[in-house]
Amino acid sequence: MLTWLQRNNLDFPPLEKAMREPNGLLAAGGDLSAERLVQAYRHGCFPWFSEGQPILWWSPDPRTVLFPNELHVSRSLAKLLRQQRYQVTFDQDFAAVISACAAPRTYADGTWISEAMQNAYLQLHQRGHAHSVEVWDQGVLVGGLYGLAMGQLFFGESMFSRADNASKFGFATLVERLKDWGFVLIDCQMPTDHLHSLGARAITRREFSDYLQRHLDQPSRATWVS
């Protein structure tokens, strides 16, 4: 049975309780408070739901992740990086990045990044948990992504691109920076061709939980303000 969360209780059910179909559905309800969101990521789940649905919490098995040392850079992307085609900043305009990630896309109906979700992650950003990567072309924001950093783990949420390879450019730059900072894993949540092209792969939920236990509370060398 699906567990319904209460607003006055931040506890989540064990990840083993997650459904097989749909894959990873763990719980519903609760709220999007900063405290609950932090607890969710620490527990190994994340919110993902459409407008009009209750809040749904997921922990898929397998889990899509990227190890910084396994980043795959295509020839075309490597050329852009060598040419420094775009400029990349960190935490310079979180609101603009999440708003762009929430904008309509030609290949999807609607967006799961509702106004309530945007406000929730803005709160996380203000508390130092959520971070943004901005990709600029002569002062114009053309790509970016956002996610959470905890210990030596980065939890990616969404990315957008308004120019060729802009989101990949930002992601590759972020991965190299995370590697320098001592991060060991980037959570990508669900599989996509875009992520697989960058080197993401699947690990079991149990393996993912092991990484949480070993690295969530380990210090990193992160300095986000660029």
Protein backbone atom coordinates (compact mmCIF):
# COMPACT_ATOMS: atom_id res chain seq x y z
CA MET A 1 0.00 0.00 0.00
CA LEU A 2 1.09 3.55 -0.71
CA THR A 3 2.16 5.47 2.39
CA TRP A 4 0.53 8.87 2.92
CA LEU A 5 2.72 11.39 4.71
CA GLN A 6 1.45 13.69 7.43
CA ARG A 7 2.41 17.36 7.58
CA ASN A 8 3.53 17.08 11.21
CA ASN A 9 5.85 14.13 10.56
CA LEU A 10 8.96 14.32 8.36
CA ASP A 11 9.65 10.58 8.37
CA PHE A 12 9.57 8.58 5.13
CA PRO A 13 8.91 4.85 4.84
CA PRO A 14 11.89 2.55 4.21
CA LEU A 15 13.04 2.64 0.58
CA GLU A 16 12.29 -1.07 0.30
CA LYS A 17 8.59 -0.14 0.49
CA ALA A 18 8.77 1.62 -2.88
CA MET A 19 6.50 0.17 -5.56
CA ARG A 20 7.79 -1.80 -8.52
CA GLU A 21 5.04 -0.39 -10.73
CA PRO A 22 5.21 2.50 -11.14
CA ASN A 23 8.89 2.03 -10.49
CA GLY A 24 9.99 3.73 -7.29
CA LEU A 25 6.78 5.36 -6.05
CA LEU A 26 7.42 5.48 -2.30
CA ALA A 27 4.89 7.84 -0.71
CA ALA A 28 2.40 10.63 -1.31
CA GLY A 29 1.31 13.75 0.51
CA GLY A 30 3.14 15.82 3.07
CA ASP A 31 4.40 19.20 1.92
CA LEU A 32 7.31 20.90 0.15
CA SER A 33 8.85 22.54 3.19
CA ALA A 34 12.62 22.96 3.15
CA GLU A 35 12.91 20.63 6.14
CA ARG A 36 10.99 17.83 4.40
CA LEU A 37 12.88 18.23 1.13
CA VAL A 38 16.24 18.00 2.89
CA GLN A 39 15.02 14.90 4.74
CA ALA A 40 13.80 13.39 1.46
CA TYR A 41 17.16 13.71 -0.29
CA ARG A 42 18.99 12.43 2.76
CA HIS A 43 16.64 9.45 2.81
CA GLY A 44 17.11 8.71 -0.88
CA CYS A 45 13.88 9.96 -2.46
CA PHE A 46 12.71 13.06 -4.32
CA PRO A 47 9.41 14.75 -5.28
CA TRP A 48 8.04 14.41 -8.80
CA PHE A 49 4.42 15.07 -9.68
CA SER A 50 2.25 16.95 -12.15
CA GLU A 51 -0.05 19.88 -11.50
CA GLY A 52 -3.28 18.64 -9.90
CA GLN A 53 -1.69 15.51 -8.43
CA PRO A 54 -0.82 15.03 -4.76
CA ILE A 55 2.88 15.37 -3.95
CA LEU A 56 4.52 12.09 -4.97
CA TRP A 57 7.87 10.87 -3.62
CA TRP A 58 10.08 8.50 -5.62
CA SER A 59 13.05 6.19 -5.13
CA PRO A 60 13.50 4.26 -8.40
CA ASP A 61 15.43 1.02 -8.67
CA PRO A 62 17.78 1.13 -10.49
CA ARG A 63 18.91 4.72 -9.96
CA THR A 64 20.60 6.74 -12.69
CA VAL A 65 23.84 8.35 -11.53
CA LEU A 66 27.02 9.77 -12.96
CA PHE A 67 30.45 9.29 -11.40
CA PRO A 68 32.59 12.39 -12.06
CA ASN A 69 35.47 10.30 -13.41
CA GLU A 70 33.13 8.70 -15.96
CA LEU A 71 31.98 11.92 -17.65
CA HIS A 72 31.87 11.40 -21.42
CA VAL A 73 32.70 14.46 -23.50
CA SER A 74 31.91 14.19 -27.21
CA ARG A 75 34.21 15.68 -29.83
CA SER A 76 31.81 18.52 -30.52
CA LEU A 77 31.45 19.33 -26.82
CA ALA A 78 35.20 19.09 -26.25
CA LYS A 79 35.71 21.59 -29.06
CA LEU A 80 33.27 24.03 -27.46
CA LEU A 81 35.00 23.63 -24.10
CA ARG A 82 38.44 24.28 -25.63
CA GLN A 83 37.10 27.35 -27.43
CA GLN A 84 35.40 28.53 -24.21
CA ARG A 85 32.33 29.09 -26.35
CA TYR A 86 30.17 29.98 -23.36
CA GLN A 87 30.79 31.50 -19.95
CA VAL A 88 29.72 29.55 -16.85
CA THR A 89 28.86 30.92 -13.40
CA PHE A 90 27.52 29.35 -10.21
CA ASP A 91 24.71 30.63 -7.99
CA GLN A 92 24.44 33.93 -9.87
CA ASP A 93 20.75 33.67 -10.86
CA PHE A 94 19.06 30.62 -9.35
CA ALA A 95 15.57 32.05 -9.92
CA ALA A 96 16.19 32.54 -13.65
CA VAL A 97 17.57 29.01 -14.03
CA ILE A 98 14.69 27.23 -12.31
CA SER A 99 12.18 29.41 -14.18
CA ALA A 100 13.79 28.45 -17.49
CA CYS A 101 13.78 24.76 -16.50
CA ALA A 102 10.04 25.08 -15.80
CA ALA A 103 9.26 26.70 -19.15
CA PRO A 104 7.26 24.70 -21.76
CA ARG A 105 9.24 22.38 -24.01
CA THR A 106 8.36 21.20 -27.50
CA TYR A 107 8.79 17.53 -26.59
CA ALA A 108 6.70 17.53 -23.39
CA ASP A 109 3.19 18.40 -22.30
CA GLY A 110 3.27 20.73 -19.33
CA THR A 111 5.92 20.81 -16.61
CA TRP A 112 6.38 19.18 -13.23
CA ILE A 113 8.27 22.24 -11.95
CA SER A 114 5.19 24.09 -10.73
CA GLU A 115 5.21 27.46 -9.04
CA ALA A 116 5.06 25.68 -5.69
CA MET A 117 8.11 23.60 -6.63
CA GLN A 118 10.00 26.69 -7.76
CA ASN A 119 9.27 28.45 -4.47
CA ALA A 120 10.33 25.38 -2.50
CA TYR A 121 13.71 25.10 -4.23
CA LEU A 122 14.25 28.83 -3.97
CA GLN A 123 13.97 28.37 -0.22
CA LEU A 124 16.52 25.56 -0.39
CA HIS A 125 18.82 27.85 -2.38
CA GLN A 126 18.46 30.61 0.20
CA ARG A 127 19.43 28.11 2.90
CA GLY A 128 22.52 27.02 1.00
CA HIS A 129 21.33 23.57 -0.07
CA ALA A 130 20.33 24.16 -3.71
CA HIS A 131 22.67 25.57 -6.33
CA SER A 132 22.49 26.74 -9.91
CA VAL A 133 24.81 26.66 -12.90
CA GLU A 134 24.34 29.46 -15.44
CA VAL A 135 25.62 29.31 -19.02
CA TRP A 136 25.99 32.66 -20.75
CA ASP A 137 26.59 33.77 -24.32
CA GLN A 138 27.73 37.40 -24.35
CA GLY A 139 25.68 38.20 -21.28
CA VAL A 140 22.56 36.27 -22.36
CA LEU A 141 21.46 33.23 -20.32
CA VAL A 142 21.39 30.34 -22.82
CA GLY A 143 21.50 27.30 -20.57
CA GLY A 144 21.84 25.99 -17.06
CA LEU A 145 20.87 23.49 -14.42
CA TYR A 146 20.14 23.26 -10.71
CA GLY A 147 20.31 20.71 -7.94
CA LEU A 148 21.26 20.10 -4.31
CA ALA A 149 24.67 19.55 -2.77
CA MET A 150 24.99 17.53 0.42
CA GLY A 151 28.30 16.29 1.70
CA GLN A 152 30.15 14.78 -1.26
CA LEU A 153 27.00 14.16 -3.32
CA PHE A 154 25.21 16.36 -5.86
CA PHE A 155 21.53 15.71 -6.61
CA GLY A 156 20.72 17.00 -10.09
CA GLU A 157 17.18 18.20 -10.69
CA SER A 158 16.72 19.76 -14.12
CA MET A 159 18.57 21.51 -16.94
CA PHE A 160 17.64 23.65 -19.93
CA SER A 161 19.26 24.82 -23.14
CA ARG A 162 18.53 27.67 -25.53
CA ALA A 163 21.67 27.24 -27.64
CA ASP A 164 23.59 24.31 -29.11
CA ASN A 165 25.08 22.12 -26.38
CA ALA A 166 24.61 24.86 -23.77
CA SER A 167 23.25 22.57 -21.06
CA LYS A 168 25.94 19.96 -21.76
CA PHE A 169 28.57 22.70 -21.60
CA GLY A 170 27.30 23.76 -18.18
CA PHE A 171 27.00 20.19 -16.94
CA ALA A 172 30.52 19.24 -18.06
CA THR A 173 31.89 22.36 -16.37
CA LEU A 174 30.01 21.49 -13.18
CA VAL A 175 31.27 17.90 -13.19
CA GLU A 176 34.89 19.02 -13.47
CA ARG A 177 34.34 21.47 -10.62
CA LEU A 178 32.66 18.81 -8.46
CA LYS A 179 35.57 16.49 -9.13
CA ASP A 180 38.01 19.14 -7.90
CA TRP A 181 35.85 19.65 -4.82
CA GLY A 182 35.92 15.97 -3.86
CA PHE A 183 32.38 14.95 -4.85
CA VAL A 184 32.01 11.23 -5.57
CA LEU A 185 28.59 10.91 -7.22
CA ILE A 186 25.96 12.91 -9.10
CA ASP A 187 22.38 11.69 -8.75
CA CYS A 188 20.54 11.93 -12.08
CA GLN A 189 17.37 10.18 -10.81
CA MET A 190 15.76 8.91 -14.03
CA PRO A 191 17.43 7.65 -17.24
CA THR A 192 17.42 9.80 -20.39
CA ASP A 193 19.37 9.57 -23.65
CA HIS A 194 20.78 13.02 -22.88
CA LEU A 195 22.26 11.85 -19.57
CA HIS A 196 23.50 8.53 -20.94
CA SER A 197 25.36 10.42 -23.67
CA LEU A 198 27.26 12.19 -20.89
CA GLY A 199 28.25 8.97 -19.14
CA ALA A 200 25.41 8.39 -16.69
CA ARG A 201 24.57 4.79 -15.80
CA ALA A 202 22.33 2.76 -13.53
CA ILE A 203 23.13 1.41 -10.08
CA THR A 204 20.85 -0.47 -7.71
CA ARG A 205 18.86 1.31 -5.02
CA ARG A 206 20.93 -0.52 -2.41
CA GLU A 207 24.17 0.76 -3.94
CA PHE A 208 22.74 4.27 -4.01
CA SER A 209 21.76 4.00 -0.34
CA ASP A 210 25.31 2.90 0.49
CA TYR A 211 26.66 6.07 -1.14
CA LEU A 212 24.24 8.13 0.91
CA GLN A 213 25.36 6.52 4.15
CA ARG A 214 29.06 6.90 3.36
CA HIS A 215 29.21 10.37 1.82
CA LEU A 216 26.24 12.52 2.93
CA ASP A 217 28.01 13.81 6.01
CA GLN A 218 31.53 13.93 4.63
CA PRO A 219 32.98 17.40 4.01
CA SER A 220 33.71 18.67 0.50
CA ARG A 221 35.84 21.56 -0.73
CA ALA A 222 32.92 23.28 -2.44
CA THR A 223 32.95 27.05 -2.91
CA TRP A 224 29.84 27.79 -4.92
CA VAL A 225 29.89 31.54 -5.38
CA SER A 226 31.66 32.21 -8.67
